[in-house]
Protein backbone atom coordinates (compact mmCIF):
# COMPACT_ATOMS: atom_id res chain seq x y z
CA MET A 1 0.00 0.00 0.00
CA ARG A 2 2.83 2.41 0.91
CA ARG A 3 4.56 1.70 -2.40
CA PHE A 4 1.33 2.51 -4.24
CA LEU A 5 0.87 5.80 -2.39
CA LYS A 6 4.48 6.76 -3.06
CA LYS A 7 4.07 6.13 -6.79
CA LYS A 8 0.84 8.12 -6.80
CA TYR A 9 2.57 11.04 -5.06
CA ILE A 10 5.39 11.03 -7.60
CA ALA A 11 2.91 10.95 -10.45
CA VAL A 12 1.04 13.99 -9.07
CA VAL A 13 4.26 15.96 -8.65
CA PHE A 14 5.36 15.08 -12.19
CA ALA A 15 1.99 16.09 -13.62
CA GLY A 16 2.17 19.40 -11.77
CA ALA A 17 5.63 20.11 -13.15
CA VAL A 18 4.46 19.35 -16.68
CA LEU A 19 1.48 21.66 -16.24
CA ILE A 20 3.66 24.53 -15.02
CA ALA A 21 6.10 24.02 -17.89
CA GLY A 22 3.21 23.98 -20.36
CA VAL A 23 1.77 27.21 -19.01
CA TRP A 24 5.19 28.88 -19.18
CA TYR A 25 5.69 27.70 -22.77
CA PHE A 26 2.37 28.96 -24.05
CA VAL A 27 2.74 32.31 -22.30
CA LEU A 28 5.85 32.94 -24.40
CA ARG A 29 4.70 31.17 -27.54
CA ASP A 30 1.47 30.76 -29.42
CA GLY A 31 0.19 27.56 -30.93
CA ASP A 32 2.53 27.91 -33.89
CA GLY A 33 5.57 28.07 -31.63
CA MET A 34 6.26 31.75 -32.30
CA GLU A 35 7.70 33.74 -29.43
CA SER A 36 6.44 37.19 -28.51
CA THR A 37 7.22 40.01 -26.12
CA PHE A 38 5.76 43.31 -24.98
CA VAL A 39 7.05 46.78 -25.65
CA MET A 40 8.28 48.00 -22.26
CA ARG A 41 9.13 51.39 -20.78
CA GLY A 42 12.23 52.09 -18.71
CA ASP A 43 15.89 53.06 -18.83
CA VAL A 44 18.34 51.84 -21.47
CA LYS A 45 22.10 52.16 -21.35
CA GLU A 46 24.85 51.11 -23.71
CA GLU A 47 27.79 49.64 -21.83
CA LEU A 48 31.31 48.64 -22.75
CA ILE A 49 32.68 45.82 -20.59
CA LEU A 50 36.44 45.31 -20.54
CA THR A 51 38.51 42.80 -18.58
CA GLY A 52 41.45 44.05 -16.55
CA GLU A 53 43.42 43.62 -13.35
CA VAL A 54 44.46 45.39 -10.17
CA VAL A 55 47.83 47.16 -10.41
CA ALA A 56 49.62 49.86 -8.37
CA LYS A 57 51.24 53.16 -9.29
CA LYS A 58 54.01 52.58 -6.77
CA HIS A 59 55.29 49.08 -7.41
CA ALA A 60 59.02 48.36 -7.56
CA VAL A 61 60.99 45.19 -8.23
CA LEU A 62 64.46 45.66 -6.69
CA GLN A 63 67.69 43.90 -7.63
CA PHE A 64 71.42 44.19 -7.06
CA SER A 65 73.51 45.56 -9.94
CA SER A 66 76.34 43.10 -9.28
CA SER A 67 76.64 39.47 -8.25
CA GLY A 68 77.81 38.56 -4.76
CA LYS A 69 76.93 37.12 -1.38
CA ILE A 70 74.12 38.60 0.70
CA ALA A 71 75.61 39.79 3.98
CA TRP A 72 72.52 41.31 5.62
CA VAL A 73 68.73 41.26 5.15
CA GLY A 74 66.71 43.83 7.09
CA VAL A 75 63.12 43.02 6.09
CA SER A 76 60.62 40.19 5.80
CA GLU A 77 57.56 39.80 3.57
CA GLY A 78 54.70 41.91 4.87
CA ASP A 79 56.93 44.48 6.61
CA ARG A 80 56.15 48.14 6.15
CA VAL A 81 59.13 50.22 5.03
CA ARG A 82 59.85 53.91 4.68
CA ARG A 83 61.42 55.65 1.72
CA GLY A 84 65.22 55.41 1.93
CA GLN A 85 65.17 52.52 4.41
CA ALA A 86 67.89 49.89 3.85
CA ILE A 87 66.46 46.58 2.65
CA ALA A 88 69.50 44.33 2.20
CA LYS A 89 73.26 44.48 1.64
CA LEU A 90 75.89 42.42 -0.17
CA ASP A 91 79.25 41.44 1.27
CA THR A 92 81.38 44.46 0.32
CA ALA A 93 84.87 43.06 1.05
CA LEU A 94 85.68 42.43 -2.61
CA LEU A 95 83.80 45.52 -3.80
CA ASN A 96 85.65 47.71 -1.33
CA SER A 97 88.97 46.20 -2.41
CA THR A 98 88.14 46.95 -6.04
CA PHE A 99 87.17 50.49 -5.09
CA GLN A 100 90.39 51.10 -3.17
CA GLN A 101 92.43 49.78 -6.12
CA ALA A 102 90.55 52.03 -8.52
CA LYS A 103 91.14 54.96 -6.18
CA SER A 104 94.89 54.24 -6.08
CA ASP A 105 95.05 53.85 -9.87
CA LEU A 106 93.35 57.22 -10.26
CA ARG A 107 95.83 58.95 -7.93
CA SER A 108 98.73 57.38 -9.85
CA ALA A 109 97.29 58.46 -13.22
CA GLU A 110 96.74 61.99 -11.91
CA ALA A 111 100.36 62.17 -10.65
CA THR A 112 101.69 60.94 -14.01
CA LEU A 113 99.62 63.52 -15.85
CA GLU A 114 100.88 66.33 -13.60
CA ARG A 115 104.48 65.27 -14.27
CA VAL A 116 103.84 65.29 -18.01
CA TYR A 117 102.24 68.73 -17.80
CA ASP A 118 105.30 70.02 -15.93
CA GLY A 119 107.53 68.66 -18.68
CA VAL A 120 105.72 70.46 -21.48
CA LYS A 121 104.59 73.66 -19.77
CA ASP A 122 107.36 75.73 -21.35
CA SER A 123 106.73 74.41 -24.85
CA GLU A 124 103.01 75.05 -25.28
CA SER A 125 103.55 77.02 -28.46
CA ASP A 126 106.09 74.67 -30.03
CA GLU A 127 105.06 71.29 -28.59
CA THR A 128 106.70 68.45 -30.51
CA PHE A 129 104.78 65.48 -31.81
CA THR A 130 106.43 63.23 -29.21
CA GLU A 131 105.48 65.61 -26.40
CA LYS A 132 101.90 65.82 -27.66
CA GLU A 133 101.70 62.03 -27.90
CA THR A 134 103.03 61.64 -24.34
CA ARG A 135 100.61 64.24 -22.96
CA THR A 136 97.62 62.73 -24.76
CA ALA A 137 98.45 59.21 -23.51
CA ALA A 138 98.67 60.49 -19.93
CA GLU A 139 95.33 62.31 -20.25
CA VAL A 140 93.62 59.19 -21.65
CA ALA A 141 95.07 57.04 -18.87
CA LYS A 142 93.80 59.49 -16.28
CA ASP A 143 90.31 59.54 -17.86
CA LYS A 144 90.13 55.73 -17.88
CA ALA A 145 91.27 55.58 -14.27
CA TYR A 146 88.57 58.09 -13.31
CA GLU A 147 85.88 56.05 -15.11
CA ASN A 148 87.01 52.89 -13.30
CA TYR A 149 86.92 54.79 -10.01
CA LEU A 150 83.33 55.90 -10.65
CA LYS A 151 82.28 52.35 -11.57
CA ALA A 152 83.86 50.90 -8.45
CA LEU A 153 82.25 53.60 -6.28
CA SER A 154 78.85 52.97 -7.86
CA ALA A 155 79.15 49.20 -7.34
CA LEU A 156 80.06 49.77 -3.70
CA ASN A 157 77.10 52.08 -3.19
CA ASP A 158 74.76 49.74 -5.05
CA ALA A 159 75.69 46.90 -2.70
CA THR A 160 72.90 48.17 -0.48
CA ILE A 161 69.29 48.25 -1.67
CA TYR A 162 67.02 50.99 -0.33
CA ALA A 163 63.24 51.37 -0.42
CA PRO A 164 62.31 53.86 -3.18
CA PHE A 165 59.05 54.86 -1.43
CA ASP A 166 56.84 54.10 1.56
CA GLY A 167 55.19 50.74 1.13
CA VAL A 168 54.98 47.07 2.02
CA VAL A 169 57.50 44.32 1.24
CA ALA A 170 55.59 41.97 -1.05
CA TYR A 171 58.39 39.57 -1.99
CA VAL A 172 61.76 38.51 -0.60
CA SER A 173 63.81 36.13 -2.72
CA HIS A 174 66.33 35.22 0.02
CA PRO A 175 65.21 36.01 3.57
CA ASN A 176 68.52 34.91 5.11
CA PRO A 177 72.09 36.14 4.52
CA GLY A 178 74.93 33.98 3.19
CA VAL A 179 73.31 33.24 -0.17
CA ASN A 180 75.14 33.94 -3.43
CA ILE A 181 73.00 35.82 -5.93
CA ILE A 182 73.35 36.77 -9.59
CA TYR A 183 72.96 40.40 -10.64
CA ASN A 184 69.78 41.55 -12.37
CA GLN A 185 67.66 38.86 -10.71
CA ALA A 186 64.64 40.14 -8.78
CA GLN A 187 65.39 39.99 -5.06
CA TYR A 188 62.79 42.20 -3.39
CA GLU A 189 59.43 43.68 -4.30
CA ILE A 190 57.77 46.67 -2.67
CA VAL A 191 54.21 47.89 -3.20
CA ASP A 192 52.32 50.86 -1.86
CA PRO A 193 48.82 49.39 -1.40
CA GLU A 194 47.31 52.86 -1.17
CA THR A 195 48.12 53.47 -4.84
CA ILE A 196 46.20 50.57 -6.37
CA TYR A 197 43.96 51.06 -9.37
CA PHE A 198 42.23 48.93 -12.01
CA GLU A 199 43.69 48.85 -15.50
CA VAL A 200 42.07 47.70 -18.74
CA THR A 201 42.98 48.01 -22.40
CA ALA A 202 40.61 49.41 -25.00
CA ASP A 203 41.09 49.10 -28.74
CA GLN A 204 41.16 52.08 -31.07
CA THR A 205 37.40 51.95 -31.77
CA GLU A 206 36.53 51.80 -28.07
CA VAL A 207 38.97 54.29 -26.56
CA VAL A 208 37.56 57.22 -28.55
CA ARG A 209 34.25 56.80 -26.69
CA LEU A 210 35.86 57.07 -23.27
CA LYS A 211 36.94 60.18 -21.41
CA GLU A 212 38.60 60.98 -18.11
CA GLY A 213 36.15 61.32 -15.23
CA ASP A 214 33.61 58.82 -16.63
CA TYR A 215 31.95 56.58 -14.02
CA VAL A 216 33.03 52.92 -14.03
CA GLY A 217 31.53 49.90 -12.29
CA ILE A 218 34.09 47.26 -11.30
CA VAL A 219 33.39 43.63 -10.39
CA LEU A 220 36.43 41.65 -9.25
CA ASP A 221 36.46 37.89 -9.68
CA SER A 222 37.46 37.59 -6.02
CA PHE A 223 34.35 39.57 -4.94
CA SER A 224 31.83 38.58 -7.60
CA GLU A 225 28.83 39.62 -5.48
CA LYS A 226 30.07 43.18 -4.96
CA GLU A 227 30.41 46.05 -7.43
CA PHE A 228 32.98 48.76 -6.76
CA SER A 229 32.60 52.25 -8.12
CA GLY A 230 35.38 54.14 -9.82
CA SER A 231 36.21 56.66 -12.50
CA ILE A 232 38.64 56.96 -15.40
CA SER A 233 41.75 58.77 -14.21
CA GLU A 234 43.97 58.43 -17.27
CA ILE A 235 43.82 57.22 -20.87
CA ALA A 236 47.12 56.41 -22.57
CA ILE A 237 48.10 58.49 -25.58
CA SER A 238 50.28 55.82 -27.17
CA PRO A 239 49.24 52.18 -27.69
CA SER A 240 50.36 49.43 -25.36
CA GLN A 241 53.42 47.52 -26.58
CA GLU A 242 52.34 44.36 -24.74
CA GLU A 243 49.03 43.95 -26.54
CA ILE A 244 48.35 42.47 -29.98
CA GLY A 245 46.81 45.10 -32.21
CA VAL A 246 46.27 48.75 -31.39
CA SER A 247 45.12 48.95 -27.76
CA TYR A 248 45.40 51.68 -25.14
CA ALA A 249 45.75 51.40 -21.37
CA VAL A 250 42.89 52.90 -19.37
CA LYS A 251 43.42 53.55 -15.65
CA VAL A 252 40.42 53.43 -13.34
CA GLU A 253 40.67 54.80 -9.80
CA PHE A 254 38.61 53.07 -7.10
CA ASP A 255 36.26 55.34 -5.15
CA GLY A 256 36.66 55.19 -1.38
CA VAL A 257 39.09 52.24 -1.29
CA SER A 258 41.96 52.69 1.17
CA ASN A 259 43.14 49.06 1.04
CA GLU A 260 44.85 49.32 4.41
CA ASP A 261 44.15 45.63 5.08
CA PHE A 262 45.38 44.56 1.62
CA GLU A 263 41.94 43.23 0.71
CA TYR A 264 42.60 44.10 -2.93
CA ARG A 265 45.82 42.58 -4.18
CA LEU A 266 47.91 43.05 -7.28
CA GLY A 267 46.94 40.77 -10.13
CA MET A 268 43.30 40.34 -9.11
CA THR A 269 41.23 40.23 -12.29
CA GLY A 270 37.72 41.37 -13.07
CA ASP A 271 35.47 43.35 -15.40
CA ALA A 272 35.00 47.09 -15.72
CA SER A 273 31.72 48.41 -17.07
CA PHE A 274 31.76 51.78 -18.85
CA VAL A 275 28.45 53.53 -19.56
CA LEU A 276 28.80 54.92 -23.07
CA GLU A 277 25.26 56.29 -23.40
CA GLU A 278 22.09 56.20 -21.30
CA VAL A 279 18.47 57.28 -21.81
CA LYS A 280 15.65 57.18 -19.27
CA ASP A 281 11.92 56.47 -19.49
CA VAL A 282 11.91 55.28 -23.10
CA LEU A 283 10.26 52.41 -24.96
CA TYR A 284 12.42 49.32 -25.41
CA VAL A 285 12.32 45.65 -26.43
CA ASP A 286 14.58 42.64 -26.24
CA PRO A 287 17.29 42.94 -28.96
CA LYS A 288 16.46 39.54 -30.43
CA PHE A 289 13.09 40.87 -31.66
CA ILE A 290 14.78 43.50 -33.83
CA ASN A 291 15.28 42.46 -37.47
CA ARG A 292 17.13 44.09 -40.36
CA ASP A 293 16.38 43.91 -44.07
CA GLU A 294 18.84 43.84 -46.95
CA ASP A 295 19.10 47.63 -46.92
CA GLY A 296 20.10 47.61 -43.26
CA LYS A 297 16.79 49.08 -42.06
CA SER A 298 15.39 47.82 -38.77
CA PHE A 299 11.88 46.43 -38.36
CA VAL A 300 9.72 44.33 -36.05
CA TYR A 301 6.85 41.93 -36.65
CA ILE A 302 3.32 42.57 -35.35
CA ASN A 303 0.04 40.67 -35.71
CA LYS A 304 1.65 37.24 -35.30
CA LYS A 305 4.35 38.05 -37.82
CA LYS A 306 1.89 39.04 -40.52
CA ASP A 307 3.02 42.64 -40.72
CA LYS A 308 6.45 44.28 -40.72
CA VAL A 309 6.79 47.69 -39.09
CA GLU A 310 9.88 49.78 -39.61
CA VAL A 311 11.43 50.95 -36.37
CA GLU A 312 14.09 53.50 -35.49
CA ILE A 313 16.75 52.22 -33.13
CA GLY A 314 18.05 54.41 -30.32
CA VAL A 315 20.45 53.39 -27.58
CA GLU A 316 21.38 49.71 -27.75
CA GLY A 317 22.03 47.90 -24.48
CA GLU A 318 22.97 44.30 -23.84
CA ASP A 319 19.41 43.16 -23.09
CA ARG A 320 17.40 46.26 -24.00
CA VAL A 321 17.13 48.27 -27.22
CA GLU A 322 15.42 51.65 -27.38
CA ILE A 323 12.81 51.84 -30.14
CA LYS A 324 11.24 54.92 -31.71
CA GLY A 325 8.19 55.08 -33.90
CA ASP A 326 4.46 54.44 -33.75
CA PHE A 327 4.56 52.19 -30.69
CA ASN A 328 2.99 52.19 -27.26
CA GLU A 329 3.91 50.51 -24.03
CA GLY A 330 2.34 47.05 -23.93
CA ASP A 331 2.29 46.51 -27.72
CA LEU A 332 2.95 42.89 -28.66
CA ILE A 333 5.67 42.05 -31.16
CA TRP A 334 6.83 38.67 -32.51
CA ASP A 335 10.08 36.96 -33.24
CA ASP A 336 11.56 36.27 -36.68
């Protein structure tokens, strides 16, 4: 008996579902299977949606200009640093030795040049070729020694990395000293989280419709249920070299985002929505009910597709298209 009642219950539920589906189908379609919709009244906006990511104005990847052994590390990932604060230092024993040698070579070259000048000071007007050759060689030797001195001094100074601005240490390649590193490899990364913004690229047909100050809605993939507000702060004049085709970087500033807790991190992706045009309290229909003839003119079907009525198209949104012409709110139109 229970099994019978259970089957009966399932059958009733199934029949109800079929009935609901049938009602829904025939509300949208007539007996011939044609779909229809009503002319509605409301707001229509044309939007441009571009994908981008979170970046920062103050973002530096730091590296040593020479190879060597790390002698001291003064920060860890997540530490806040001030501009000019020392981050890390190489072992300077060899660098200092090179600098001292370059300094001595420079003093020797300068002394040699002074001796040569003393030897030719009384023959400035009738300097022989040999004297000129000797003087020139001494001057060149002194110049080379000075260049080597400057290089050695620069290498010694560059053995310490300093923070270029206030920020947070985002990356440390080697947190402990005693490690040999190769020059030009990224060792430390500093970001100022207060300078984050959202960047997208727009092609040459899109960028001409954007202007600084325009409102932008931003939805990050990490916070898909929340929309952030922002505005265009800068549009690049020259195209991006990293993109295929002619595209321009567009910077969007977040409104009211301090990011003190690092909630928004570099590299987070999402979509930015730019309102290109908007009209309010106008007649509109679903775009799929708009048809075009061979001449490119737009029209809709009325009277169960028996009649074609030419229509003027206004602002075109993703799911709404403004229509102009002899229409009223509530008019029924049919699909193609």
